[in-house]
Amino acid sequence: MPVKNAIELLKIIDVDKDFRTALNKCKNLDEVSMCLNSRQLNFSPSELDEAVDFLHSKCQTYEVADQLLSKADWIKYLLFSTAKQ
């Protein structure tokens, strides 16, 4: 399920430094897609939003919520900034 994939990405992005580095090195949306596909983490922007809303509702502190929203913003930036190239 794509929403599950987005949730998984939000969870692993902090702990898998190599994967995060690989995503940061992507120069365009095709490379980002290939990187996500290599981990079977396909999802749409609306599915990412749904995943963030779901996880955000489970946050018990403002700090955890801020961390989640920061990760989501980074992923959105990565997707949108590479889409223009």
N, C-alpha and C. Protein backbone atom coordinates (compact mmCIF):
# COMPACT_ATOMS: atom_id res chain seq x y z
N MET A 1 0.84 -1.19 0.00
CA MET A 1 0.00 0.00 0.00
C MET A 1 0.88 1.25 0.00
N PRO A 2 0.60 2.17 -0.88
CA PRO A 2 1.42 3.37 -0.98
C PRO A 2 1.46 4.22 0.29
N VAL A 3 0.34 4.34 1.03
CA VAL A 3 0.38 5.13 2.26
C VAL A 3 1.33 4.47 3.25
N LYS A 4 1.29 3.16 3.30
CA LYS A 4 2.21 2.42 4.17
C LYS A 4 3.66 2.68 3.76
N ASN A 5 3.90 2.79 2.45
CA ASN A 5 5.25 3.09 1.96
C ASN A 5 5.72 4.46 2.43
N ALA A 6 4.84 5.43 2.38
CA ALA A 6 5.20 6.77 2.84
C ALA A 6 5.48 6.76 4.34
N ILE A 7 4.68 6.02 5.10
CA ILE A 7 4.91 5.90 6.55
C ILE A 7 6.28 5.27 6.80
N GLU A 8 6.58 4.23 6.04
CA GLU A 8 7.87 3.55 6.20
C GLU A 8 9.03 4.50 5.91
N LEU A 9 8.92 5.29 4.85
CA LEU A 9 9.97 6.26 4.52
C LEU A 9 10.15 7.26 5.66
N LEU A 10 9.05 7.77 6.20
CA LEU A 10 9.13 8.72 7.30
C LEU A 10 9.79 8.11 8.53
N LYS A 11 9.64 6.81 8.71
CA LYS A 11 10.24 6.15 9.86
C LYS A 11 11.73 5.84 9.66
N ILE A 12 12.11 5.45 8.44
CA ILE A 12 13.50 5.03 8.23
C ILE A 12 14.45 6.17 7.87
N ILE A 13 13.91 7.30 7.49
CA ILE A 13 14.76 8.38 6.99
C ILE A 13 15.78 8.85 8.03
N ASP A 14 15.45 8.72 9.31
CA ASP A 14 16.39 9.12 10.37
C ASP A 14 17.45 8.07 10.64
N VAL A 15 17.11 6.82 10.48
CA VAL A 15 18.02 5.75 10.89
C VAL A 15 18.88 5.20 9.76
N ASP A 16 18.48 5.38 8.54
CA ASP A 16 19.23 4.84 7.40
C ASP A 16 19.97 5.96 6.70
N LYS A 17 21.16 6.24 7.22
CA LYS A 17 21.96 7.36 6.70
C LYS A 17 22.34 7.16 5.23
N ASP A 18 22.66 5.93 4.84
CA ASP A 18 23.05 5.67 3.45
C ASP A 18 21.90 5.95 2.48
N PHE A 19 20.70 5.56 2.87
CA PHE A 19 19.54 5.81 2.02
C PHE A 19 19.25 7.31 1.94
N ARG A 20 19.34 8.00 3.07
CA ARG A 20 19.12 9.45 3.08
C ARG A 20 20.16 10.15 2.20
N THR A 21 21.40 9.70 2.27
CA THR A 21 22.45 10.28 1.44
C THR A 21 22.18 10.03 -0.03
N ALA A 22 21.74 8.82 -0.35
CA ALA A 22 21.41 8.49 -1.74
C ALA A 22 20.28 9.39 -2.26
N LEU A 23 19.27 9.61 -1.43
CA LEU A 23 18.18 10.51 -1.84
C LEU A 23 18.69 11.93 -2.05
N ASN A 24 19.56 12.39 -1.17
CA ASN A 24 20.10 13.75 -1.29
C ASN A 24 20.92 13.93 -2.56
N LYS A 25 21.52 12.87 -3.06
CA LYS A 25 22.35 12.95 -4.26
C LYS A 25 21.55 12.93 -5.55
N CYS A 26 20.27 12.64 -5.47
CA CYS A 26 19.44 12.57 -6.67
C CYS A 26 19.36 13.94 -7.33
N LYS A 27 19.53 13.94 -8.65
CA LYS A 27 19.54 15.20 -9.39
C LYS A 27 18.21 15.54 -10.05
N ASN A 28 17.33 14.54 -10.18
CA ASN A 28 16.04 14.78 -10.81
C ASN A 28 15.01 13.80 -10.26
N LEU A 29 13.78 14.02 -10.64
CA LEU A 29 12.69 13.21 -10.11
C LEU A 29 12.81 11.74 -10.50
N ASP A 30 13.34 11.47 -11.69
CA ASP A 30 13.53 10.07 -12.10
C ASP A 30 14.49 9.36 -11.16
N GLU A 31 15.56 10.03 -10.76
CA GLU A 31 16.51 9.43 -9.83
C GLU A 31 15.89 9.22 -8.46
N VAL A 32 15.10 10.17 -8.00
CA VAL A 32 14.40 10.01 -6.72
C VAL A 32 13.46 8.82 -6.80
N SER A 33 12.71 8.72 -7.89
CA SER A 33 11.78 7.61 -8.07
C SER A 33 12.52 6.27 -8.08
N MET A 34 13.64 6.21 -8.77
CA MET A 34 14.42 4.98 -8.82
C MET A 34 14.93 4.61 -7.42
N CYS A 35 15.37 5.60 -6.69
CA CYS A 35 15.87 5.36 -5.33
C CYS A 35 14.75 4.83 -4.44
N LEU A 36 13.59 5.45 -4.52
CA LEU A 36 12.44 4.99 -3.74
C LEU A 36 11.99 3.60 -4.21
N ASN A 37 11.99 3.38 -5.52
CA ASN A 37 11.60 2.08 -6.06
C ASN A 37 12.54 0.97 -5.60
N SER A 38 13.82 1.29 -5.43
CA SER A 38 14.78 0.28 -5.00
C SER A 38 14.44 -0.26 -3.61
N ARG A 39 13.71 0.53 -2.85
CA ARG A 39 13.25 0.11 -1.52
C ARG A 39 11.76 -0.19 -1.50
N GLN A 40 11.15 -0.22 -2.66
CA GLN A 40 9.70 -0.46 -2.80
C GLN A 40 8.90 0.54 -1.96
N LEU A 41 9.25 1.81 -2.10
CA LEU A 41 8.61 2.89 -1.35
C LEU A 41 7.91 3.87 -2.28
N ASN A 42 7.05 3.37 -3.14
CA ASN A 42 6.31 4.22 -4.07
C ASN A 42 5.10 4.82 -3.37
N PHE A 43 4.85 6.12 -3.62
CA PHE A 43 3.66 6.79 -3.09
C PHE A 43 3.48 8.10 -3.83
N SER A 44 2.27 8.62 -3.77
CA SER A 44 1.96 9.90 -4.41
C SER A 44 2.04 11.01 -3.36
N PRO A 45 2.07 12.27 -3.80
CA PRO A 45 2.06 13.37 -2.83
C PRO A 45 0.87 13.34 -1.88
N SER A 46 -0.30 12.97 -2.40
CA SER A 46 -1.48 12.92 -1.52
C SER A 46 -1.37 11.78 -0.51
N GLU A 47 -0.73 10.69 -0.91
CA GLU A 47 -0.51 9.59 0.03
C GLU A 47 0.51 9.96 1.10
N LEU A 48 1.49 10.77 0.72
CA LEU A 48 2.43 11.27 1.72
C LEU A 48 1.69 12.15 2.73
N ASP A 49 0.83 13.02 2.23
CA ASP A 49 0.03 13.87 3.14
C ASP A 49 -0.83 13.03 4.08
N GLU A 50 -1.43 12.00 3.55
CA GLU A 50 -2.26 11.12 4.37
C GLU A 50 -1.42 10.42 5.45
N ALA A 51 -0.23 9.98 5.07
CA ALA A 51 0.67 9.33 6.03
C ALA A 51 1.09 10.30 7.13
N VAL A 52 1.42 11.53 6.73
CA VAL A 52 1.82 12.54 7.71
C VAL A 52 0.66 12.85 8.66
N ASP A 53 -0.53 12.99 8.12
CA ASP A 53 -1.70 13.25 8.98
C ASP A 53 -1.91 12.11 9.98
N PHE A 54 -1.78 10.88 9.50
CA PHE A 54 -1.96 9.72 10.38
C PHE A 54 -0.91 9.71 11.49
N LEU A 55 0.36 9.87 11.12
CA LEU A 55 1.43 9.84 12.13
C LEU A 55 1.36 11.05 13.06
N HIS A 56 0.96 12.19 12.51
CA HIS A 56 0.85 13.41 13.31
C HIS A 56 -0.20 13.24 14.40
N SER A 57 -1.27 12.55 14.10
CA SER A 57 -2.33 12.34 15.09
C SER A 57 -1.86 11.45 16.24
N LYS A 58 -0.79 10.71 16.02
CA LYS A 58 -0.27 9.82 17.05
C LYS A 58 0.87 10.45 17.87
N CYS A 59 1.32 11.63 17.48
CA CYS A 59 2.40 12.29 18.21
C CYS A 59 1.93 12.71 19.60
N GLN A 60 2.76 12.43 20.60
CA GLN A 60 2.38 12.74 21.97
C GLN A 60 3.06 13.99 22.52
N THR A 61 4.03 14.51 21.79
CA THR A 61 4.68 15.75 22.22
C THR A 61 4.85 16.68 21.03
N TYR A 62 5.01 17.95 21.31
CA TYR A 62 5.26 18.92 20.25
C TYR A 62 6.59 18.63 19.56
N GLU A 63 7.57 18.18 20.31
CA GLU A 63 8.88 17.90 19.74
C GLU A 63 8.80 16.78 18.70
N VAL A 64 8.10 15.72 19.03
CA VAL A 64 7.94 14.61 18.10
C VAL A 64 7.17 15.07 16.86
N ALA A 65 6.15 15.87 17.07
CA ALA A 65 5.36 16.40 15.95
C ALA A 65 6.23 17.28 15.05
N ASP A 66 7.05 18.13 15.65
CA ASP A 66 7.95 18.98 14.86
C ASP A 66 8.93 18.16 14.04
N GLN A 67 9.46 17.11 14.64
CA GLN A 67 10.40 16.24 13.92
C GLN A 67 9.72 15.58 12.73
N LEU A 68 8.52 15.09 12.95
CA LEU A 68 7.76 14.47 11.86
C LEU A 68 7.50 15.46 10.74
N LEU A 69 7.03 16.64 11.08
CA LEU A 69 6.71 17.64 10.06
C LEU A 69 7.96 18.11 9.33
N SER A 70 9.08 18.17 10.02
CA SER A 70 10.35 18.53 9.37
C SER A 70 10.76 17.47 8.35
N LYS A 71 10.62 16.20 8.72
CA LYS A 71 10.94 15.13 7.76
C LYS A 71 10.01 15.18 6.55
N ALA A 72 8.73 15.42 6.80
CA ALA A 72 7.78 15.50 5.70
C ALA A 72 8.12 16.67 4.78
N ASP A 73 8.48 17.81 5.36
CA ASP A 73 8.87 18.97 4.55
C ASP A 73 10.10 18.67 3.72
N TRP A 74 11.07 17.94 4.29
CA TRP A 74 12.29 17.59 3.56
C TRP A 74 11.94 16.70 2.37
N ILE A 75 11.07 15.72 2.59
CA ILE A 75 10.68 14.81 1.51
C ILE A 75 9.95 15.59 0.41
N LYS A 76 9.05 16.47 0.80
CA LYS A 76 8.32 17.28 -0.19
C LYS A 76 9.28 18.18 -0.95
N TYR A 77 10.22 18.79 -0.26
CA TYR A 77 11.22 19.63 -0.92
C TYR A 77 12.01 18.81 -1.92
N LEU A 78 12.43 17.63 -1.50
CA LEU A 78 13.20 16.75 -2.37
C LEU A 78 12.40 16.40 -3.63
N LEU A 79 11.14 16.05 -3.45
CA LEU A 79 10.30 15.67 -4.59
C LEU A 79 10.04 16.85 -5.52
N PHE A 80 9.73 18.00 -4.95
CA PHE A 80 9.36 19.15 -5.78
C PHE A 80 10.58 19.84 -6.39
N SER A 81 11.69 19.88 -5.67
CA SER A 81 12.86 20.55 -6.22
C SER A 81 13.47 19.74 -7.35
N THR A 82 13.41 18.42 -7.26
CA THR A 82 13.95 17.60 -8.34
C THR A 82 12.97 17.49 -9.51
N ALA A 83 11.70 17.74 -9.27
CA ALA A 83 10.71 17.67 -10.35
C ALA A 83 10.92 18.77 -11.37
N LYS A 84 11.53 19.86 -10.96
CA LYS A 84 11.73 21.00 -11.86
C LYS A 84 12.98 20.84 -12.72
N GLN A 85 13.78 19.84 -12.45
CA GLN A 85 15.04 19.69 -13.18
C GLN A 85 14.93 18.69 -14.28
